[in-house]
N, C-alpha and C. Protein backbone atom coordinates (compact mmCIF):
# COMPACT_ATOMS: atom_id res chain seq x y z
N UNK A 1 127.84 125.36 73.61
CA UNK A 1 127.70 125.12 75.07
C UNK A 1 127.41 123.76 75.39
N UNK A 2 127.34 123.30 76.18
CA UNK A 2 126.82 121.46 76.22
C UNK A 2 125.45 121.45 77.15
N UNK A 3 125.01 120.34 76.90
CA UNK A 3 123.56 119.40 77.16
C UNK A 3 124.03 119.22 79.12
N UNK A 4 122.93 119.49 79.56
CA UNK A 4 123.09 118.84 80.90
C UNK A 4 122.34 117.35 80.68
N UNK A 5 123.91 116.48 81.56
CA UNK A 5 123.68 115.07 81.33
C UNK A 5 122.06 114.55 82.08
N UNK A 6 121.77 115.68 82.99
CA UNK A 6 120.85 115.02 84.32
C UNK A 6 119.58 114.96 83.50
N UNK A 7 119.44 115.75 82.25
CA UNK A 7 118.20 115.56 81.35
C UNK A 7 117.75 114.61 81.24
N UNK A 8 119.13 113.73 80.54
CA UNK A 8 118.88 112.19 80.55
C UNK A 8 118.53 111.20 81.05
N UNK A 9 118.37 111.37 82.47
CA UNK A 9 117.74 110.50 83.56
C UNK A 9 116.49 109.92 83.09
N UNK A 10 116.44 108.54 83.55
CA UNK A 10 115.33 107.99 83.22
C UNK A 10 114.28 107.73 84.48
N UNK A 11 113.23 107.74 84.69
CA UNK A 11 112.50 107.19 86.10
C UNK A 11 112.75 105.91 86.00
N UNK A 12 113.08 105.14 86.76
CA UNK A 12 112.95 103.52 86.86
C UNK A 12 111.36 103.12 86.48
N UNK A 13 110.89 103.65 87.37
CA UNK A 13 109.28 103.30 87.70
C UNK A 13 108.50 103.34 86.53
N UNK A 14 108.81 104.77 85.66
CA UNK A 14 108.20 105.14 84.37
C UNK A 14 108.65 104.24 83.52
N UNK A 15 110.03 103.77 83.83
CA UNK A 15 110.43 102.49 82.76
C UNK A 15 109.77 101.19 82.55
N UNK A 16 109.83 100.96 83.55
CA UNK A 16 108.87 99.71 83.63
C UNK A 16 107.93 99.74 83.55
N UNK A 17 106.92 100.55 83.88
CA UNK A 17 105.46 100.48 83.51
C UNK A 17 105.53 100.97 82.01
N UNK A 18 105.88 101.62 81.40
CA UNK A 18 106.45 102.10 79.78
C UNK A 18 106.54 100.77 78.64
N UNK A 19 107.73 99.72 79.62
CA UNK A 19 108.25 98.80 79.03
C UNK A 19 106.66 97.67 79.06
N UNK A 20 105.91 97.22 80.32
CA UNK A 20 105.08 96.77 80.46
C UNK A 20 103.28 97.13 79.49
N UNK A 21 103.12 98.15 79.49
CA UNK A 21 102.02 98.64 78.63
C UNK A 21 102.71 98.42 77.12
N UNK A 22 103.94 98.59 76.52
CA UNK A 22 103.90 97.92 75.37
C UNK A 22 103.96 96.81 74.97
N UNK A 23 104.73 95.47 76.32
CA UNK A 23 104.40 94.17 76.15
C UNK A 23 102.85 93.78 76.19
N UNK A 24 101.74 94.48 77.10
CA UNK A 24 100.38 94.36 77.06
C UNK A 24 99.93 94.88 75.60
N UNK A 25 100.40 95.73 74.71
CA UNK A 25 99.71 96.07 73.72
C UNK A 25 99.98 95.13 72.33
N UNK A 26 101.48 94.59 72.11
CA UNK A 26 101.56 93.30 71.72
C UNK A 26 101.05 92.45 71.63
N UNK A 27 101.01 91.93 72.92
CA UNK A 27 99.82 90.70 73.19
C UNK A 27 98.21 90.98 72.87
N UNK A 28 97.66 92.18 73.32
CA UNK A 28 96.52 92.84 72.69
C UNK A 28 96.38 92.39 71.16
N UNK A 29 97.43 93.06 70.58
CA UNK A 29 97.35 93.30 69.13
C UNK A 29 97.51 91.44 68.00
N UNK A 30 98.07 90.34 69.36
CA UNK A 30 98.37 88.90 69.04
C UNK A 30 96.78 88.28 68.68
N UNK A 31 96.05 89.08 70.54
CA UNK A 31 94.67 88.68 70.64
C UNK A 31 94.15 89.08 69.41
N UNK A 32 93.96 90.43 69.19
CA UNK A 32 93.00 90.87 68.04
C UNK A 32 92.98 90.16 66.58
N UNK A 33 94.32 89.60 66.42
CA UNK A 33 94.53 88.75 65.08
C UNK A 33 93.92 87.29 65.26
N UNK A 34 94.29 86.67 66.70
CA UNK A 34 93.45 85.48 67.15
C UNK A 34 91.71 85.50 66.76
N UNK A 35 91.41 86.38 67.20
CA UNK A 35 90.41 86.62 67.31
C UNK A 35 89.13 86.83 65.97
N UNK A 36 90.28 87.86 64.83
CA UNK A 36 89.70 87.69 63.88
C UNK A 36 89.81 86.79 63.06
N UNK A 37 90.84 86.06 63.36
CA UNK A 37 91.34 84.88 62.60
C UNK A 37 91.48 83.39 63.17
N UNK A 38 90.25 82.88 64.45
CA UNK A 38 90.44 81.72 65.06
C UNK A 38 91.18 80.46 64.29
N UNK A 39 91.26 80.51 63.07
CA UNK A 39 92.14 79.39 62.74
C UNK A 39 93.43 79.07 62.23
N UNK A 40 93.94 80.78 62.53
CA UNK A 40 95.37 80.46 62.78
C UNK A 40 95.83 80.22 63.96
N UNK A 41 95.19 79.69 64.78
CA UNK A 41 95.81 79.34 66.44
C UNK A 41 95.82 77.91 66.07
N UNK A 42 95.38 77.35 65.10
CA UNK A 42 95.31 75.56 64.89
C UNK A 42 96.29 75.51 64.09
N UNK A 43 96.21 76.00 62.83
CA UNK A 43 96.50 75.78 61.77
C UNK A 43 98.07 75.88 61.44
N UNK A 44 98.48 77.06 62.53
CA UNK A 44 100.13 76.61 62.12
C UNK A 44 100.59 76.59 60.99
N UNK A 45 101.97 77.49 60.71
CA UNK A 45 102.62 77.40 59.81
C UNK A 45 103.88 76.24 59.82
N UNK A 46 103.77 75.32 58.81
CA UNK A 46 104.86 74.77 58.70
C UNK A 46 106.64 74.75 58.70
N UNK A 47 107.05 74.42 59.29
CA UNK A 47 108.71 74.85 59.06
C UNK A 47 109.26 74.40 57.85
N UNK A 48 110.30 75.26 57.22
CA UNK A 48 110.65 75.01 56.14
C UNK A 48 111.40 73.64 56.08
N UNK A 49 111.87 73.04 55.16
CA UNK A 49 112.17 71.59 55.40
C UNK A 49 113.67 71.58 55.72
N UNK A 50 114.63 72.84 55.77
CA UNK A 50 115.55 72.43 56.35
C UNK A 50 116.09 72.71 57.77
N UNK A 51 114.68 73.40 58.28
CA UNK A 51 114.60 74.16 59.79
C UNK A 51 113.83 72.18 59.98
N UNK A 52 112.94 71.59 59.68
CA UNK A 52 112.67 70.53 60.03
C UNK A 52 113.78 69.25 60.01
N UNK A 53 114.40 69.27 58.89
CA UNK A 53 115.28 68.56 59.17
C UNK A 53 116.49 68.67 60.58
N UNK A 54 116.87 69.76 60.69
CA UNK A 54 117.29 69.92 61.73
C UNK A 54 116.92 69.75 63.45
N UNK A 55 115.72 70.06 63.40
CA UNK A 55 115.06 69.49 64.49
C UNK A 55 114.67 68.25 64.54
N UNK A 56 114.59 67.47 63.64
CA UNK A 56 115.06 65.99 63.41
C UNK A 56 116.01 65.55 64.12
N UNK A 57 117.56 66.19 63.70
CA UNK A 57 118.33 65.52 64.31
C UNK A 57 118.82 66.22 65.37
N UNK A 58 117.91 66.62 66.16
CA UNK A 58 118.31 67.12 67.32
C UNK A 58 118.60 66.34 68.64
N UNK A 59 117.64 65.02 68.22
CA UNK A 59 117.81 64.06 69.65
C UNK A 59 118.38 62.59 69.17
N UNK A 60 118.71 62.81 67.57
CA UNK A 60 118.83 61.25 66.67
C UNK A 60 119.28 61.90 65.33
N UNK A 61 121.02 61.89 65.41
CA UNK A 61 121.34 62.03 64.34
C UNK A 61 122.04 60.44 63.64
N UNK A 62 121.84 60.34 62.59
CA UNK A 62 121.73 58.97 61.82
C UNK A 62 122.80 59.38 60.67
N UNK A 63 123.13 60.23 60.74
CA UNK A 63 124.52 60.80 59.33
C UNK A 63 125.76 59.86 59.64
N UNK A 64 125.98 58.87 58.95
CA UNK A 64 127.28 58.10 59.22
C UNK A 64 128.62 59.47 59.33
N UNK A 65 128.37 60.53 58.90
CA UNK A 65 129.69 61.42 58.96
C UNK A 65 129.35 62.67 59.99
N UNK A 66 128.53 62.53 61.01
CA UNK A 66 128.18 63.33 61.68
C UNK A 66 129.52 63.05 62.87
N UNK A 67 130.19 65.00 62.96
CA UNK A 67 131.20 64.87 64.00
C UNK A 67 130.79 64.80 65.56
N UNK A 68 129.08 64.81 65.78
CA UNK A 68 128.84 64.08 66.72
C UNK A 68 128.15 63.10 66.99
N UNK A 69 128.64 62.05 68.15
CA UNK A 69 127.93 60.53 67.79
C UNK A 69 126.52 60.67 68.09
N UNK A 70 125.34 60.00 67.32
CA UNK A 70 124.30 60.23 67.80
C UNK A 70 123.55 59.27 69.16
N UNK A 71 122.67 60.14 70.17
CA UNK A 71 122.26 59.32 70.84
C UNK A 71 121.85 57.76 70.84
N UNK A 72 122.24 57.00 71.53
CA UNK A 72 122.19 55.45 71.45
C UNK A 72 120.20 55.65 71.60
N UNK A 73 119.58 54.85 70.64
CA UNK A 73 118.48 54.72 70.38
C UNK A 73 117.74 53.50 69.94
N UNK A 74 117.02 52.60 70.70
CA UNK A 74 116.75 53.33 72.18
C UNK A 74 117.93 52.80 72.70
N UNK A 75 117.38 53.72 74.38
CA UNK A 75 118.86 53.48 75.42
C UNK A 75 118.68 52.48 75.75
N UNK A 76 120.13 51.97 76.90
CA UNK A 76 119.88 50.49 77.40
C UNK A 76 119.15 50.36 77.96
N UNK A 77 118.01 51.27 78.82
CA UNK A 77 117.43 51.24 79.58
C UNK A 77 115.79 50.86 78.99
N UNK A 78 115.63 51.17 77.79
CA UNK A 78 114.42 51.10 77.19
C UNK A 78 114.70 49.75 76.27
N UNK A 79 115.63 49.06 75.98
CA UNK A 79 115.97 47.73 75.55
C UNK A 79 115.80 46.74 76.45
N UNK A 80 116.44 47.00 77.53
CA UNK A 80 115.85 45.73 78.61
C UNK A 80 114.56 45.82 79.36
């Protein structure tokens, strides 16, 4: 005997409410953590060395072997 597929229908409004409740609960969990440890909000966690290097190259890549040329720094407008 096969199951009736109509039993799998989900009310869109209920689904939206459920997702909103889950997002709210996740935010409140973060808030509870920040209230318990306020130093976490300003301390931050330093990025790994490799990630910092990649971010450093995002706007200016001074590697001579780079396949993408670096942005000119300073720009022509800034130099004049």
